[in-house]
Amino acid sequence: MDKKNFKVAVQLFGHLRTYKECYQSLKEHLLDKYDCDVFMHTWDTIDHSTQTWHSIHMENKNDNTSQLRSELEEIYNLKKIKIEYQEPKDMGLITAIASKISVYGMQCMFHSMTVVNSLREDYQQETGTQYDFVITLRPDLLLSEDFNIEYYLERMSEDEIGKAFFTYFFPMIGIWNDYKKIGASDIFYFAKPDIITNIFKHIETVVEKIKPDIKINFGPEVYFLELIQTLGYDIKLIKYNYNTEYIIKRPTSNKKEINKKTKKNFRLKISLKEFYLFLFSNLSFNIIDLRLNLFNFFKLTICVGGNNDK
């Protein structure tokens, strides 16, 4: 598929957490690159209080939802938003790879994904807007590299794209082609709108599998991928790497450490449509900053030095 100004629906779901530190990177590396409409579902508390695989939580409180709504609508230029009251319930725990995870917390996550998808569908019905793709992600993801949709579509036919579900993943062990051996495949994904709509028509089949006291040696997001496969879609694991292209911005993350991780002294990418080379990105000054679009088809980028690695 040739590069074009894609019309993209961006669906933000879940607790806001460190969104204030992340939204500018989302704007720079995704929202400003395409013609994006943003939708959001979140909760009236800044972070969750249910048990999960980690113990990093922000100080929790019930926010002034009216004030919060106005702030979020302004910074994200939202088309639709829903903020719900959340009162944690004890629905038991599952054990996944020896970690205890709240059943209620998992249900709330899928509820948030489902509601924000419904907001997008309602908006499309009300306005007649059509989208090329729907991207779903959490508001606490800090992007450090451009998210280029067309990069993942290279050498794919329209038919292949029309059946593909693209998702980030985290390899938990040395095997990548087994969905039970990867994690985080439900925090950043995209596909055609009809695919996303169909997935959430059937999301209850995933929720029903997450029952108290079950013990599994894989992450519960596997159930999400199994649904997608059952519906006949092809799962494409995309290369948008944690610690180099983006991170989950935890409240304990140190900004200097993040910059150190995400900046590399050498990067090279060559494809039929793009060549870019970055050298010595850790320098505090520019030496060369050359960016050309040749024949409106081929993008050439050569940068040496710092402050140009964008």
Protein backbone atom coordinates (compact mmCIF):
# COMPACT_ATOMS: atom_id res chain seq x y z
CA MET A 1 0.00 0.00 0.00
CA ASP A 2 1.41 3.36 -1.02
CA LYS A 3 2.00 5.97 1.65
CA LYS A 4 -0.79 8.51 1.90
CA ASN A 5 -2.44 10.74 4.42
CA PHE A 6 -4.26 7.99 6.25
CA LYS A 7 -7.43 8.86 8.14
CA VAL A 8 -6.85 7.21 11.51
CA ALA A 9 -9.00 6.71 14.61
CA VAL A 10 -6.86 6.61 17.75
CA GLN A 11 -8.55 4.89 20.70
CA LEU A 12 -7.05 5.57 24.14
CA PHE A 13 -8.20 3.26 26.92
CA GLY A 14 -7.57 2.59 30.59
CA HIS A 15 -6.29 4.61 33.52
CA LEU A 16 -4.50 7.84 32.66
CA ARG A 17 -1.49 7.30 34.95
CA THR A 18 1.42 9.32 33.49
CA TYR A 19 -0.51 10.77 30.54
CA LYS A 20 0.74 14.31 31.25
CA GLU A 21 4.28 13.15 30.54
CA CYS A 22 3.29 11.10 27.50
CA TYR A 23 0.71 12.99 25.44
CA GLN A 24 3.27 15.29 23.78
CA SER A 25 5.19 12.28 22.47
CA LEU A 26 1.94 10.77 21.15
CA LYS A 27 1.20 14.01 19.34
CA GLU A 28 4.68 14.27 17.83
CA HIS A 29 5.18 10.66 16.80
CA LEU A 30 1.65 9.65 15.79
CA LEU A 31 -1.13 12.25 15.87
CA ASP A 32 0.74 14.86 13.80
CA LYS A 33 1.82 12.28 11.20
CA TYR A 34 -1.69 11.36 10.04
CA ASP A 35 -5.20 12.80 9.91
CA CYS A 36 -6.21 11.50 13.35
CA ASP A 37 -9.42 11.59 15.36
CA VAL A 38 -8.90 10.70 19.02
CA PHE A 39 -11.35 8.90 21.30
CA MET A 40 -10.91 8.05 24.97
CA HIS A 41 -12.40 5.95 27.72
CA THR A 42 -10.89 6.27 31.18
CA TRP A 43 -11.74 6.16 34.86
CA ASP A 44 -12.24 8.75 37.58
CA THR A 45 -9.07 7.59 39.36
CA ILE A 46 -5.62 8.22 37.95
CA ASP A 47 -4.40 4.64 38.47
CA HIS A 48 -5.83 1.24 39.29
CA SER A 49 -5.77 -0.19 42.81
CA THR A 50 -6.34 -3.83 41.93
CA GLN A 51 -3.63 -6.48 42.15
CA THR A 52 -1.48 -7.16 39.11
CA TRP A 53 1.94 -8.54 38.20
CA HIS A 54 3.76 -5.40 39.43
CA SER A 55 3.35 -3.19 42.51
CA ILE A 56 4.02 0.24 40.97
CA HIS A 57 1.01 2.46 41.59
CA MET A 58 0.46 6.19 41.58
CA GLU A 59 -1.20 7.98 44.48
CA ASN A 60 -4.87 7.42 43.81
CA LYS A 61 -7.79 9.78 44.20
CA ASN A 62 -11.13 10.51 42.60
CA ASP A 63 -10.53 13.40 40.22
CA ASN A 64 -12.90 16.25 39.46
CA THR A 65 -14.31 14.59 36.36
CA SER A 66 -15.73 17.79 34.88
CA GLN A 67 -12.38 19.54 35.10
CA LEU A 68 -10.54 16.44 33.93
CA ARG A 69 -12.84 16.05 30.93
CA SER A 70 -12.18 19.64 29.84
CA GLU A 71 -8.43 19.19 30.18
CA LEU A 72 -8.38 15.94 28.21
CA GLU A 73 -10.63 17.29 25.47
CA GLU A 74 -8.26 20.20 25.02
CA ILE A 75 -4.90 18.45 24.99
CA TYR A 76 -5.99 15.48 22.85
CA ASN A 77 -8.59 17.37 20.76
CA LEU A 78 -10.99 14.52 21.51
CA LYS A 79 -13.97 13.67 19.34
CA LYS A 80 -15.61 11.69 22.16
CA ILE A 81 -14.71 10.78 25.72
CA LYS A 82 -16.28 8.80 28.54
CA ILE A 83 -15.02 8.91 32.14
CA GLU A 84 -16.49 6.25 34.40
CA TYR A 85 -16.57 5.83 38.15
CA GLN A 86 -14.65 2.76 39.25
CA GLU A 87 -15.17 1.02 42.56
CA PRO A 88 -12.87 -2.01 42.84
CA LYS A 89 -14.58 -5.32 43.56
CA ASP A 90 -13.10 -8.52 44.90
CA MET A 91 -13.81 -11.01 42.12
CA GLY A 92 -10.83 -13.20 42.92
CA LEU A 93 -7.42 -13.63 41.31
CA ILE A 94 -5.91 -15.60 38.48
CA THR A 95 -2.36 -16.90 38.60
CA ALA A 96 -0.46 -16.16 35.40
CA ILE A 97 3.22 -17.14 35.22
CA ALA A 98 3.29 -17.16 39.05
CA SER A 99 1.84 -13.62 39.29
CA LYS A 100 -1.50 -12.88 40.95
CA ILE A 101 -3.77 -10.71 38.79
CA SER A 102 -7.19 -9.32 39.68
CA VAL A 103 -10.10 -10.70 37.67
CA TYR A 104 -11.93 -7.40 38.15
CA GLY A 105 -8.92 -5.48 36.88
CA MET A 106 -8.80 -7.57 33.70
CA GLN A 107 -12.53 -7.14 33.16
CA CYS A 108 -12.16 -3.37 33.53
CA MET A 109 -9.39 -3.31 30.95
CA PHE A 110 -11.50 -5.07 28.33
CA HIS A 111 -14.50 -2.93 29.30
CA SER A 112 -12.44 0.21 28.65
CA MET A 113 -11.29 -1.09 25.25
CA THR A 114 -14.88 -1.97 24.35
CA VAL A 115 -16.34 1.39 25.39
CA VAL A 116 -13.77 3.49 23.54
CA ASN A 117 -14.40 1.38 20.45
CA SER A 118 -18.14 2.06 20.82
CA LEU A 119 -17.44 5.80 21.03
CA ARG A 120 -15.63 5.61 17.70
CA GLU A 121 -18.46 3.59 16.14
CA ASP A 122 -21.07 6.07 17.41
CA TYR A 123 -19.08 8.97 15.97
CA GLN A 124 -18.82 7.25 12.60
CA GLN A 125 -22.56 6.63 12.56
CA GLU A 126 -23.32 10.23 13.53
CA THR A 127 -20.92 11.88 11.07
CA GLY A 128 -20.35 9.36 8.28
CA THR A 129 -16.59 9.54 8.88
CA GLN A 130 -14.58 6.68 7.41
CA TYR A 131 -11.18 5.55 8.69
CA ASP A 132 -8.33 3.72 7.01
CA PHE A 133 -7.13 2.28 10.32
CA VAL A 134 -7.98 2.17 14.02
CA ILE A 135 -5.06 2.32 16.47
CA THR A 136 -5.70 1.36 20.09
CA LEU A 137 -3.23 2.09 22.89
CA ARG A 138 -2.85 3.21 26.49
CA PRO A 139 -2.31 6.87 27.45
CA ASP A 140 0.79 6.05 29.52
CA LEU A 141 2.91 4.99 26.54
CA LEU A 142 5.82 7.33 25.88
CA LEU A 143 6.80 7.20 22.19
CA SER A 144 10.34 8.11 21.20
CA GLU A 145 10.17 7.19 17.50
CA ASP A 146 7.63 7.90 14.76
CA PHE A 147 4.96 5.24 14.42
CA ASN A 148 4.87 4.67 10.66
CA ILE A 149 1.83 2.67 9.62
CA GLU A 150 3.07 2.32 6.05
CA TYR A 151 6.28 0.67 7.29
CA TYR A 152 4.23 -2.34 8.44
CA LEU A 153 2.23 -2.51 5.20
CA GLU A 154 5.18 -2.91 2.84
CA ARG A 155 4.77 -5.79 0.38
CA MET A 156 1.24 -6.54 1.62
CA SER A 157 -1.73 -6.65 -0.74
CA GLU A 158 -5.04 -4.92 0.02
CA ASP A 159 -6.57 -8.33 0.72
CA GLU A 160 -3.81 -9.20 3.19
CA ILE A 161 -4.16 -5.86 4.97
CA GLY A 162 -7.92 -6.38 5.12
CA LYS A 163 -7.41 -9.55 7.17
CA ALA A 164 -4.47 -8.43 9.33
CA PHE A 165 -4.35 -7.52 13.02
CA PHE A 166 -1.09 -5.70 13.81
CA THR A 167 0.13 -5.71 17.40
CA TYR A 168 3.18 -4.88 19.47
CA PHE A 169 4.54 -7.73 21.57
CA PHE A 170 7.14 -8.31 24.25
CA PRO A 171 9.19 -11.52 23.92
CA MET A 172 9.19 -13.10 27.39
CA ILE A 173 11.60 -15.88 26.41
CA GLY A 174 13.63 -16.81 23.34
CA ILE A 175 10.65 -18.03 21.28
CA TRP A 176 8.67 -15.41 19.34
CA ASN A 177 6.31 -17.42 17.13
CA ASP A 178 4.28 -18.89 20.00
CA TYR A 179 1.64 -16.51 21.35
CA LYS A 180 1.90 -18.12 24.78
CA LYS A 181 5.54 -17.04 24.99
CA ILE A 182 5.00 -13.32 24.34
CA GLY A 183 3.35 -10.62 26.41
CA ALA A 184 1.83 -7.12 26.28
CA SER A 185 0.09 -7.85 22.97
CA ASP A 186 -3.04 -5.99 24.09
CA ILE A 187 -1.64 -2.52 24.85
CA PHE A 188 -0.78 -1.17 21.37
CA TYR A 189 -2.41 -2.55 18.21
CA PHE A 190 -4.09 -1.51 14.97
CA ALA A 191 -6.21 -2.89 12.13
CA LYS A 192 -8.93 -1.95 9.70
CA PRO A 193 -12.06 -0.54 11.43
CA ASP A 194 -14.28 -3.51 10.55
CA ILE A 195 -11.78 -5.89 12.16
CA ILE A 196 -11.65 -3.92 15.40
CA THR A 197 -15.46 -3.68 15.44
CA ASN A 198 -15.85 -7.43 14.96
CA ILE A 199 -13.33 -8.27 17.67
CA PHE A 200 -15.23 -6.27 20.27
CA LYS A 201 -18.54 -7.78 19.23
CA HIS A 202 -17.09 -11.04 20.54
CA ILE A 203 -14.93 -9.78 23.43
CA GLU A 204 -17.15 -11.47 26.04
CA THR A 205 -15.69 -14.81 25.00
CA VAL A 206 -12.33 -13.52 26.29
CA VAL A 207 -13.77 -12.15 29.53
CA GLU A 208 -15.52 -15.46 30.23
CA LYS A 209 -12.18 -17.30 30.19
CA ILE A 210 -10.66 -15.10 32.91
CA LYS A 211 -12.06 -16.85 35.97
CA PRO A 212 -10.98 -16.80 39.62
CA ASP A 213 -8.35 -19.32 40.73
CA ILE A 214 -7.28 -20.44 37.26
CA LYS A 215 -3.55 -21.06 36.86
CA ILE A 216 -1.88 -20.49 33.50
CA ASN A 217 1.76 -20.41 32.40
CA PHE A 218 1.17 -17.55 29.96
CA GLY A 219 -0.19 -14.03 30.11
CA PRO A 220 -3.99 -13.63 29.95
CA GLU A 221 -3.61 -11.53 26.79
CA VAL A 222 -3.21 -14.85 24.98
CA TYR A 223 -6.99 -15.23 25.20
CA PHE A 224 -7.31 -11.98 23.26
CA LEU A 225 -5.06 -13.27 20.47
CA GLU A 226 -6.91 -16.59 20.40
CA LEU A 227 -10.18 -14.74 19.77
CA ILE A 228 -8.60 -12.82 16.90
CA GLN A 229 -7.37 -16.05 15.32
CA THR A 230 -10.75 -17.72 15.82
CA LEU A 231 -12.38 -14.86 13.92
CA GLY A 232 -10.11 -15.65 10.97
CA TYR A 233 -7.69 -12.74 11.15
CA ASP A 234 -3.93 -12.95 10.64
CA ILE A 235 -1.92 -11.69 13.61
CA LYS A 236 1.11 -9.64 12.59
CA LEU A 237 3.69 -9.01 15.32
CA ILE A 238 5.15 -5.60 14.60
CA LYS A 239 8.64 -4.27 15.22
CA TYR A 240 8.14 -1.25 17.47
CA ASN A 241 10.50 -2.07 20.27
CA TYR A 242 10.19 -1.43 23.96
CA ASN A 243 13.03 0.76 25.36
CA THR A 244 14.04 2.00 21.89
CA GLU A 245 10.83 3.08 20.15
CA TYR A 246 8.63 3.48 23.23
CA ILE A 247 8.23 2.66 26.89
CA ILE A 248 5.42 2.28 29.41
CA LYS A 249 6.03 5.39 31.48
CA ARG A 250 5.88 4.27 35.08
CA PRO A 251 5.73 6.87 37.88
CA THR A 252 9.14 5.62 39.04
CA SER A 253 10.78 6.02 35.62
CA ASN A 254 13.71 8.42 35.52
CA LYS A 255 13.63 10.73 32.51
CA LYS A 256 17.41 10.68 32.04
CA GLU A 257 17.39 6.90 32.13
CA ILE A 258 14.64 6.83 29.50
CA ASN A 259 16.53 9.19 27.21
CA LYS A 260 19.65 7.10 27.65
CA LYS A 261 17.78 3.95 26.69
CA THR A 262 15.88 5.41 23.77
CA LYS A 263 18.72 7.31 22.14
CA LYS A 264 21.15 5.29 20.11
CA ASN A 265 24.36 6.46 18.48
CA PHE A 266 23.67 4.60 15.26
CA ARG A 267 20.48 3.71 13.43
CA LEU A 268 20.02 2.64 9.84
CA LYS A 269 16.87 1.77 7.94
CA ILE A 270 16.70 0.92 4.25
CA SER A 271 13.57 0.01 2.31
CA LEU A 272 12.10 0.56 -1.14
CA LYS A 273 10.57 3.82 0.03
CA GLU A 274 12.92 5.11 2.68
CA PHE A 275 16.56 5.49 3.68
CA TYR A 276 17.51 6.98 7.00
CA LEU A 277 20.78 7.12 8.86
CA PHE A 278 21.35 8.59 12.32
CA LEU A 279 24.85 8.90 13.79
CA PHE A 280 26.06 10.19 17.18
CA SER A 281 22.59 11.09 18.46
CA ASN A 282 23.99 11.56 21.97
CA LEU A 283 25.86 14.74 20.96
CA SER A 284 24.41 18.05 22.16
CA PHE A 285 24.81 19.75 18.76
CA ASN A 286 23.98 19.14 15.09
CA ILE A 287 26.58 18.43 12.43
CA ILE A 288 24.40 17.35 9.50
CA ASP A 289 20.63 17.40 9.18
CA LEU A 290 19.56 16.42 5.65
CA ARG A 291 15.94 15.47 4.92
CA LEU A 292 14.63 15.10 1.37
CA ASN A 293 11.54 13.71 -0.31
CA LEU A 294 12.58 12.54 -3.77
CA PHE A 295 9.90 12.44 -6.47
CA ASN A 296 7.24 12.37 -3.72
CA PHE A 297 8.06 8.70 -3.33
CA PHE A 298 11.43 8.15 -1.66
CA LYS A 299 12.33 9.67 1.69
CA LEU A 300 16.03 10.35 2.37
CA THR A 301 17.16 11.30 5.89
CA ILE A 302 20.78 11.65 7.03
CA CYS A 303 21.44 13.15 10.46
CA VAL A 304 24.72 13.43 12.36
CA GLY A 305 24.71 14.86 15.87
CA GLY A 306 22.06 15.50 18.48
CA ASN A 307 18.79 17.44 18.57
CA ASN A 308 17.73 16.06 15.20
CA ASP A 309 16.74 12.53 16.08
CA LYS A 310 12.99 12.76 15.46
